């Protein structure tokens, strides 16, 4: 069956969260006169709280809660851990929206633009709708629509995160290709019948990254070096 749509993981696959978040926070700290914090370390520690916060939702311990709320809760914990004082609620809100201001990898917009000529393209991200829309407007990501956790009411790698996104496009899983830089994401999508494409982002976690450097042959249908090569391999 011909692939009609490509769904994309976003954090790490389409955008460089590590560099963007740390730079954004450092600029805010400089403006506010906040010193003594390694903002790159802070960004990494923030990301470490990402999966545990979603697991509370996946497990049913709390009802579905959008990522902006989960991110803010994690941020408050880190602000206390790093003993950052004198922040107003609006300051914390601004810091939390750093995730709305991420920069795309250099090949992302050219590759997505090429793919869009033939395929429906949309995020299948754990990010909520407002986050994805604001990120797309700032980074110039040419999505056809916004899909993912909030519309599916499920966080990846739960099956409904993938299957509800396919249903919302009116497509069978076999007509959809999940694109990610993370093999575990692709393994979960493959288990639900989607096609899969791996694009390596060997600097997502900085120097010395040791994970997701190569596609897992057991769960990847199409390996590509970047989004432009992926567009060529998918026929455009």
C-alpha atoms as a PDB file:
ATOM      1  CA  UNK A   1       0.000   0.000   0.000  1.00  0.00           C
ATOM      2  CA  UNK A   2       1.396   3.404  -0.963  1.00  0.00           C
ATOM      3  CA  UNK A   3       2.529   5.681   1.860  1.00  0.00           C
ATOM      4  CA  UNK A   4       0.235   8.689   1.937  1.00  0.00           C
ATOM      5  CA  UNK A   5       1.310  10.382   5.155  1.00  0.00           C
ATOM      6  CA  UNK A   6       4.442  10.853   7.211  1.00  0.00           C
ATOM      7  CA  UNK A   7       4.181  11.403  10.954  1.00  0.00           C
ATOM      8  CA  UNK A   8       7.159  12.872  12.787  1.00  0.00           C
ATOM      9  CA  UNK A   9       8.590  12.689  16.236  1.00  0.00           C
ATOM     10  CA  UNK A  10       9.564  16.292  16.981  1.00  0.00           C
ATOM     11  CA  UNK A  11      11.862  16.713  20.011  1.00  0.00           C
ATOM     12  CA  UNK A  12      15.284  15.604  18.826  1.00  0.00           C
ATOM     13  CA  UNK A  13      14.103  14.475  15.400  1.00  0.00           C
ATOM     14  CA  UNK A  14      12.849  17.744  13.895  1.00  0.00           C
ATOM     15  CA  UNK A  15      14.250  20.249  16.392  1.00  0.00           C
ATOM     16  CA  UNK A  16      17.385  20.569  18.495  1.00  0.00           C
ATOM     17  CA  UNK A  17      15.914  20.835  22.000  1.00  0.00           C
ATOM     18  CA  UNK A  18      19.197  20.635  23.949  1.00  0.00           C
ATOM     19  CA  UNK A  19      20.923  23.618  22.341  1.00  0.00           C
ATOM     20  CA  UNK A  20      17.730  25.644  21.994  1.00  0.00           C
ATOM     21  CA  UNK A  21      16.434  25.286  25.557  1.00  0.00           C
ATOM     22  CA  UNK A  22      19.814  25.962  27.163  1.00  0.00           C
ATOM     23  CA  UNK A  23      20.420  29.044  24.999  1.00  0.00           C
ATOM     24  CA  UNK A  24      16.927  30.384  25.636  1.00  0.00           C
ATOM     25  CA  UNK A  25      17.254  29.976  29.407  1.00  0.00           C
ATOM     26  CA  UNK A  26      20.746  31.481  29.450  1.00  0.00           C
ATOM     27  CA  UNK A  27      19.497  34.578  27.627  1.00  0.00           C
ATOM     28  CA  UNK A  28      16.593  34.929  30.055  1.00  0.00           C
ATOM     29  CA  UNK A  29      18.915  34.487  33.039  1.00  0.00           C
ATOM     30  CA  UNK A  30      21.268  37.165  31.726  1.00  0.00           C
ATOM     31  CA  UNK A  31      18.345  39.566  31.342  1.00  0.00           C
ATOM     32  CA  UNK A  32      17.151  38.827  34.882  1.00  0.00           C
ATOM     33  CA  UNK A  33      20.613  38.815  36.448  1.00  0.00           C
ATOM     34  CA  UNK A  34      20.431  35.157  37.465  1.00  0.00           C
ATOM     35  CA  UNK A  35      23.909  33.679  37.851  1.00  0.00           C
ATOM     36  CA  UNK A  36      25.576  30.498  38.963  1.00  0.00           C
ATOM     37  CA  UNK A  37      23.565  28.062  36.863  1.00  0.00           C
ATOM     38  CA  UNK A  38      24.882  25.816  34.095  1.00  0.00           C
ATOM     39  CA  UNK A  39      21.918  26.156  31.754  1.00  0.00           C
ATOM     40  CA  UNK A  40      23.015  23.321  29.487  1.00  0.00           C
ATOM     41  CA  UNK A  41      23.039  21.011  32.486  1.00  0.00           C
ATOM     42  CA  UNK A  42      19.699  22.468  33.560  1.00  0.00           C
ATOM     43  CA  UNK A  43      18.152  21.715  30.137  1.00  0.00           C
ATOM     44  CA  UNK A  44      19.412  18.124  30.264  1.00  0.00           C
ATOM     45  CA  UNK A  45      18.061  17.647  33.780  1.00  0.00           C
ATOM     46  CA  UNK A  46      14.721  19.066  32.671  1.00  0.00           C
ATOM     47  CA  UNK A  47      14.587  16.555  29.847  1.00  0.00           C
ATOM     48  CA  UNK A  48      15.330  13.717  32.260  1.00  0.00           C
ATOM     49  CA  UNK A  49      12.029  14.466  34.012  1.00  0.00           C
ATOM     50  CA  UNK A  50      10.108  14.165  30.720  1.00  0.00           C
ATOM     51  CA  UNK A  51       9.485  10.416  30.664  1.00  0.00           C
ATOM     52  CA  UNK A  52       8.720  10.039  34.396  1.00  0.00           C
ATOM     53  CA  UNK A  53       6.128  12.820  34.209  1.00  0.00           C
ATOM     54  CA  UNK A  54       4.356  11.170  31.264  1.00  0.00           C
ATOM     55  CA  UNK A  55       4.508   7.757  32.896  1.00  0.00           C
ATOM     56  CA  UNK A  56       2.132   8.997  35.579  1.00  0.00           C
ATOM     57  CA  UNK A  57      -0.402   9.579  32.790  1.00  0.00           C
ATOM     58  CA  UNK A  58       0.361   6.392  30.865  1.00  0.00           C
ATOM     59  CA  UNK A  59      -0.057   4.299  34.008  1.00  0.00           C
ATOM     60  CA  UNK A  60      -3.422   5.852  34.829  1.00  0.00           C
ATOM     61  CA  UNK A  61      -2.163   7.383  38.070  1.00  0.00           C
ATOM     62  CA  UNK A  62      -3.415  10.742  36.801  1.00  0.00           C
ATOM     63  CA  UNK A  63      -5.799  11.730  33.990  1.00  0.00           C
ATOM     64  CA  UNK A  64      -4.471  12.885  30.651  1.00  0.00           C
ATOM     65  CA  UNK A  65      -2.498  16.088  31.211  1.00  0.00           C
ATOM     66  CA  UNK A  66      -0.887  18.091  28.431  1.00  0.00           C
ATOM     67  CA  UNK A  67       2.882  18.366  28.168  1.00  0.00           C
ATOM     68  CA  UNK A  68       2.972  22.109  28.876  1.00  0.00           C
ATOM     69  CA  UNK A  69       1.594  21.365  32.344  1.00  0.00           C
ATOM     70  CA  UNK A  70       3.968  18.438  32.903  1.00  0.00           C
ATOM     71  CA  UNK A  71       6.934  20.527  31.722  1.00  0.00           C
ATOM     72  CA  UNK A  72       5.988  23.338  34.106  1.00  0.00           C
ATOM     73  CA  UNK A  73       5.707  20.990  37.063  1.00  0.00           C
ATOM     74  CA  UNK A  74       9.161  19.610  36.263  1.00  0.00           C
ATOM     75  CA  UNK A  75      10.536  23.132  35.868  1.00  0.00           C
ATOM     76  CA  UNK A  76       9.273  24.151  39.313  1.00  0.00           C
ATOM     77  CA  UNK A  77      11.088  21.157  40.810  1.00  0.00           C
ATOM     78  CA  UNK A  78      14.324  22.185  39.087  1.00  0.00           C
ATOM     79  CA  UNK A  79      14.001  25.831  40.111  1.00  0.00           C
ATOM     80  CA  UNK A  80      13.835  24.632  43.715  1.00  0.00           C
ATOM     81  CA  UNK A  81      16.706  22.158  43.244  1.00  0.00           C
ATOM     82  CA  UNK A  82      18.965  24.840  41.734  1.00  0.00           C
ATOM     83  CA  UNK A  83      17.841  27.375  44.357  1.00  0.00           C
ATOM     84  CA  UNK A  84      16.779  29.959  41.798  1.00  0.00           C
ATOM     85  CA  UNK A  85      14.870  32.622  43.706  1.00  0.00           C
ATOM     86  CA  UNK A  86      12.843  35.756  42.992  1.00  0.00           C
ATOM     87  CA  UNK A  87      11.042  34.335  39.962  1.00  0.00           C
ATOM     88  CA  UNK A  88       7.504  35.505  39.339  1.00  0.00           C
ATOM     89  CA  UNK A  89       4.800  33.216  37.952  1.00  0.00           C
ATOM     90  CA  UNK A  90       5.181  34.972  34.596  1.00  0.00           C
ATOM     91  CA  UNK A  91       8.937  34.331  34.717  1.00  0.00           C
ATOM     92  CA  UNK A  92       8.307  30.610  35.214  1.00  0.00           C
ATOM     93  CA  UNK A  93       5.761  30.661  32.390  1.00  0.00           C
ATOM     94  CA  UNK A  94       8.310  32.314  30.103  1.00  0.00           C
ATOM     95  CA  UNK A  95      10.949  29.739  30.975  1.00  0.00           C
ATOM     96  CA  UNK A  96       8.479  26.928  30.384  1.00  0.00           C
ATOM     97  CA  UNK A  97       7.716  28.236  26.912  1.00  0.00           C
ATOM     98  CA  UNK A  98      11.353  27.724  25.940  1.00  0.00           C
ATOM     99  CA  UNK A  99       9.998  24.462  24.497  1.00  0.00           C
ATOM    100  CA  UNK A 100       7.845  26.557  22.141  1.00  0.00           C
ATOM    101  CA  UNK A 101      10.959  28.302  20.778  1.00  0.00           C
ATOM    102  CA  UNK A 102      13.154  25.438  19.580  1.00  0.00           C
ATOM    103  CA  UNK A 103      15.304  25.650  16.451  1.00  0.00           C
ATOM    104  CA  UNK A 104      14.948  23.062  13.679  1.00  0.00           C
ATOM    105  CA  UNK A 105      17.846  20.973  12.459  1.00  0.00           C
ATOM    106  CA  UNK A 106      19.209  22.523   9.206  1.00  0.00           C
ATOM    107  CA  UNK A 107      17.681  19.856   6.948  1.00  0.00           C
ATOM    108  CA  UNK A 108      14.263  19.814   8.628  1.00  0.00           C
ATOM    109  CA  UNK A 109      12.405  22.585   6.797  1.00  0.00           C
ATOM    110  CA  UNK A 110      13.855  21.815   3.314  1.00  0.00           C
ATOM    111  CA  UNK A 111      13.123  18.110   3.760  1.00  0.00           C
ATOM    112  CA  UNK A 112       9.613  18.634   5.112  1.00  0.00           C
ATOM    113  CA  UNK A 113       8.853  21.045   2.276  1.00  0.00           C
ATOM    114  CA  UNK A 114       9.830  18.395  -0.266  1.00  0.00           C
ATOM    115  CA  UNK A 115       7.890  15.661   1.502  1.00  0.00           C
ATOM    116  CA  UNK A 116       4.792  17.874   1.707  1.00  0.00           C
ATOM    117  CA  UNK A 117       4.562  18.009  -2.098  1.00  0.00           C
ATOM    118  CA  UNK A 118       3.557  14.341  -2.182  1.00  0.00           C
ATOM    119  CA  UNK A 119       2.656  13.316   1.363  1.00  0.00           C
ATOM    120  CA  UNK A 120       0.533  14.586   4.216  1.00  0.00           C
ATOM    121  CA  UNK A 121       2.989  15.624   6.931  1.00  0.00           C
ATOM    122  CA  UNK A 122       2.188  16.097  10.597  1.00  0.00           C
ATOM    123  CA  UNK A 123       3.841  15.804  13.988  1.00  0.00           C
ATOM    124  CA  UNK A 124       3.119  12.744  16.094  1.00  0.00           C
ATOM    125  CA  UNK A 125       4.688  14.233  19.185  1.00  0.00           C
ATOM    126  CA  UNK A 126       4.088  14.111  22.898  1.00  0.00           C
ATOM    127  CA  UNK A 127       3.875  17.897  22.717  1.00  0.00           C
ATOM    128  CA  UNK A 128       0.420  19.474  23.065  1.00  0.00           C
ATOM    129  CA  UNK A 129      -1.325  21.387  20.297  1.00  0.00           C
ATOM    130  CA  UNK A 130      -0.404  24.915  21.421  1.00  0.00           C
ATOM    131  CA  UNK A 131       3.237  23.902  21.862  1.00  0.00           C
ATOM    132  CA  UNK A 132       3.372  22.309  18.392  1.00  0.00           C
ATOM    133  CA  UNK A 133       1.623  25.249  16.707  1.00  0.00           C
ATOM    134  CA  UNK A 134       3.868  27.864  18.317  1.00  0.00           C
ATOM    135  CA  UNK A 135       6.948  25.812  17.546  1.00  0.00           C
ATOM    136  CA  UNK A 136       5.897  25.388  13.926  1.00  0.00           C
ATOM    137  CA  UNK A 137       5.191  29.100  13.453  1.00  0.00           C
ATOM    138  CA  UNK A 138       8.573  30.086  14.873  1.00  0.00           C
ATOM    139  CA  UNK A 139      10.616  27.407  13.113  1.00  0.00           C
ATOM    140  CA  UNK A 140       8.727  27.493   9.809  1.00  0.00           C
ATOM    141  CA  UNK A 141       7.648  23.856   9.959  1.00  0.00           C
ATOM    142  CA  UNK A 142       5.104  23.372   7.135  1.00  0.00           C
ATOM    143  CA  UNK A 143       2.769  20.839   8.781  1.00  0.00           C
ATOM    144  CA  UNK A 144      -0.548  20.023   7.161  1.00  0.00           C
ATOM    145  CA  UNK A 145      -2.133  19.531  10.576  1.00  0.00           C
ATOM    146  CA  UNK A 146      -1.193  18.907  14.211  1.00  0.00           C
ATOM    147  CA  UNK A 147      -1.523  15.359  15.537  1.00  0.00           C
ATOM    148  CA  UNK A 148      -0.002  13.524  18.482  1.00  0.00           C
ATOM    149  CA  UNK A 149      -0.592  13.098  22.187  1.00  0.00           C
ATOM    150  CA  UNK A 150      -3.275  15.726  22.806  1.00  0.00           C
ATOM    151  CA  UNK A 151      -5.445  14.707  19.850  1.00  0.00           C
ATOM    152  CA  UNK A 152      -4.825  11.010  20.520  1.00  0.00           C
ATOM    153  CA  UNK A 153      -5.229  11.419  24.306  1.00  0.00           C
ATOM    154  CA  UNK A 154      -2.248   9.118  24.738  1.00  0.00           C
ATOM    155  CA  UNK A 155       1.489   9.523  25.119  1.00  0.00           C
ATOM    156  CA  UNK A 156       3.917   7.566  22.973  1.00  0.00           C
ATOM    157  CA  UNK A 157       4.777   4.723  22.987  1.00  0.00           C
ATOM    158  CA  UNK A 158       1.169   3.786  23.827  1.00  0.00           C
ATOM    159  CA  UNK A 159      -0.538   2.230  20.778  1.00  0.00           C
ATOM    160  CA  UNK A 160      -3.292   4.865  20.633  1.00  0.00           C
ATOM    161  CA  UNK A 161      -0.729   7.618  20.103  1.00  0.00           C
ATOM    162  CA  UNK A 162       0.002   6.106  16.689  1.00  0.00           C
ATOM    163  CA  UNK A 163      -3.321   4.481  15.819  1.00  0.00           C
ATOM    164  CA  UNK A 164      -5.508   7.483  16.675  1.00  0.00           C
ATOM    165  CA  UNK A 165      -3.249   9.703  14.564  1.00  0.00           C
ATOM    166  CA  UNK A 166      -3.770   7.366  11.609  1.00  0.00           C
ATOM    167  CA  UNK A 167      -7.531   7.274  12.217  1.00  0.00           C
ATOM    168  CA  UNK A 168      -7.705  11.058  12.355  1.00  0.00           C
ATOM    169  CA  UNK A 169      -6.211  11.145   8.848  1.00  0.00           C
ATOM    170  CA  UNK A 170      -8.617   8.463   7.646  1.00  0.00           C
ATOM    171  CA  UNK A 171      -5.686   6.209   6.798  1.00  0.00           C
ATOM    172  CA  UNK A 172      -4.719   2.646   7.609  1.00  0.00           C
ATOM    173  CA  UNK A 173      -1.447   2.267   9.535  1.00  0.00           C
ATOM    174  CA  UNK A 174       0.134   0.673   6.453  1.00  0.00           C
ATOM    175  CA  UNK A 175      -0.458   3.953   4.570  1.00  0.00           C
ATOM    176  CA  UNK A 176       1.493   5.947   7.155  1.00  0.00           C
ATOM    177  CA  UNK A 177       5.219   6.257   7.843  1.00  0.00           C
ATOM    178  CA  UNK A 178       6.465   7.206  11.297  1.00  0.00           C
ATOM    179  CA  UNK A 179       9.713   9.182  11.153  1.00  0.00           C
ATOM    180  CA  UNK A 180      11.971   9.449  14.203  1.00  0.00           C
ATOM    181  CA  UNK A 181      15.553   9.609  15.399  1.00  0.00           C
ATOM    182  CA  UNK A 182      14.707   7.176  18.204  1.00  0.00           C
ATOM    183  CA  UNK A 183      14.541   3.441  17.617  1.00  0.00           C
ATOM    184  CA  UNK A 184      12.198   2.823  20.549  1.00  0.00           C
ATOM    185  CA  UNK A 185       9.625   5.187  19.009  1.00  0.00           C
ATOM    186  CA  UNK A 186       9.871   3.368  15.694  1.00  0.00           C
ATOM    187  CA  UNK A 187       9.649  -0.039  17.337  1.00  0.00           C
ATOM    188  CA  UNK A 188       6.375   0.983  18.969  1.00  0.00           C
ATOM    189  CA  UNK A 189       4.988   2.386  15.708  1.00  0.00           C
ATOM    190  CA  UNK A 190       6.045  -0.713  13.777  1.00  0.00           C
ATOM    191  CA  UNK A 191       4.193  -2.902  16.277  1.00  0.00           C
ATOM    192  CA  UNK A 192       0.991  -1.055  15.314  1.00  0.00           C
ATOM    193  CA  UNK A 193       1.483  -1.650  11.592  1.00  0.00           C
ATOM    194  CA  UNK A 194       3.007   1.670  10.535  1.00  0.00           C
ATOM    195  CA  UNK A 195       5.941   1.943   8.163  1.00  0.00           C
ATOM    196  CA  UNK A 196       9.023   3.437   9.785  1.00  0.00           C
ATOM    197  CA  UNK A 197      11.890   5.729   8.802  1.00  0.00           C
ATOM    198  CA  UNK A 198      14.974   6.476  10.888  1.00  0.00           C
ATOM    199  CA  UNK A 199      16.912   9.740  10.584  1.00  0.00           C
ATOM    200  CA  UNK A 200      19.994   9.870  12.824  1.00  0.00           C
ATOM    201  CA  UNK A 201      20.587  12.900  15.045  1.00  0.00           C
ATOM    202  CA  UNK A 202      23.989  11.987  16.512  1.00  0.00           C
ATOM    203  CA  UNK A 203      24.369  15.297  18.388  1.00  0.00           C
ATOM    204  CA  UNK A 204      20.908  15.427  20.002  1.00  0.00           C
ATOM    205  CA  UNK A 205      22.446  14.637  23.399  1.00  0.00           C
ATOM    206  CA  UNK A 206      25.740  16.405  22.754  1.00  0.00           C
ATOM    207  CA  UNK A 207      29.289  15.024  22.481  1.00  0.00           C
ATOM    208  CA  UNK A 208      29.660  11.405  23.364  1.00  0.00           C
ATOM    209  CA  UNK A 209      26.116  10.395  22.461  1.00  0.00           C
ATOM    210  CA  UNK A 210      25.972   6.603  22.484  1.00  0.00           C
ATOM    211  CA  UNK A 211      22.331   5.851  21.662  1.00  0.00           C
ATOM    212  CA  UNK A 212      20.328   5.955  18.432  1.00  0.00           C
ATOM    213  CA  UNK A 213      23.410   6.407  16.267  1.00  0.00           C
ATOM    214  CA  UNK A 214      22.173   3.841  13.732  1.00  0.00           C
ATOM    215  CA  UNK A 215      18.819   2.354  12.754  1.00  0.00           C
ATOM    216  CA  UNK A 216      17.616  -0.868  14.324  1.00  0.00           C
ATOM    217  CA  UNK A 217      17.155  -3.189  11.376  1.00  0.00           C
ATOM    218  CA  UNK A 218      14.409  -5.009  13.234  1.00  0.00           C
ATOM    219  CA  UNK A 219      12.071  -2.023  13.312  1.00  0.00           C
ATOM    220  CA  UNK A 220      13.217   0.367  10.562  1.00  0.00           C
ATOM    221  CA  UNK A 221      11.996   0.173   6.963  1.00  0.00           C
ATOM    222  CA  UNK A 222      13.718   3.270   5.571  1.00  0.00           C
ATOM    223  CA  UNK A 223      17.019   4.617   6.949  1.00  0.00           C
ATOM    224  CA  UNK A 224      18.069   8.114   5.857  1.00  0.00           C
ATOM    225  CA  UNK A 225      20.867  10.510   6.717  1.00  0.00           C
ATOM    226  CA  UNK A 226      18.501  13.508   6.848  1.00  0.00           C
ATOM    227  CA  UNK A 227      15.036  14.655   5.807  1.00  0.00           C
ATOM    228  CA  UNK A 228      16.119  15.592   2.285  1.00  0.00           C
ATOM    229  CA  UNK A 229      17.415  12.085   1.657  1.00  0.00           C
ATOM    230  CA  UNK A 230      14.249  10.682   3.189  1.00  0.00           C
ATOM    231  CA  UNK A 231      12.148  12.701   0.719  1.00  0.00           C
ATOM    232  CA  UNK A 232      14.178  11.255  -2.161  1.00  0.00           C
ATOM    233  CA  UNK A 233      13.759   7.713  -0.848  1.00  0.00           C
ATOM    234  CA  UNK A 234      10.015   8.201  -0.510  1.00  0.00           C
ATOM    235  CA  UNK A 235       9.766   9.344  -4.117  1.00  0.00           C
ATOM    236  CA  UNK A 236      10.218  13.098  -4.164  1.00  0.00           C
END
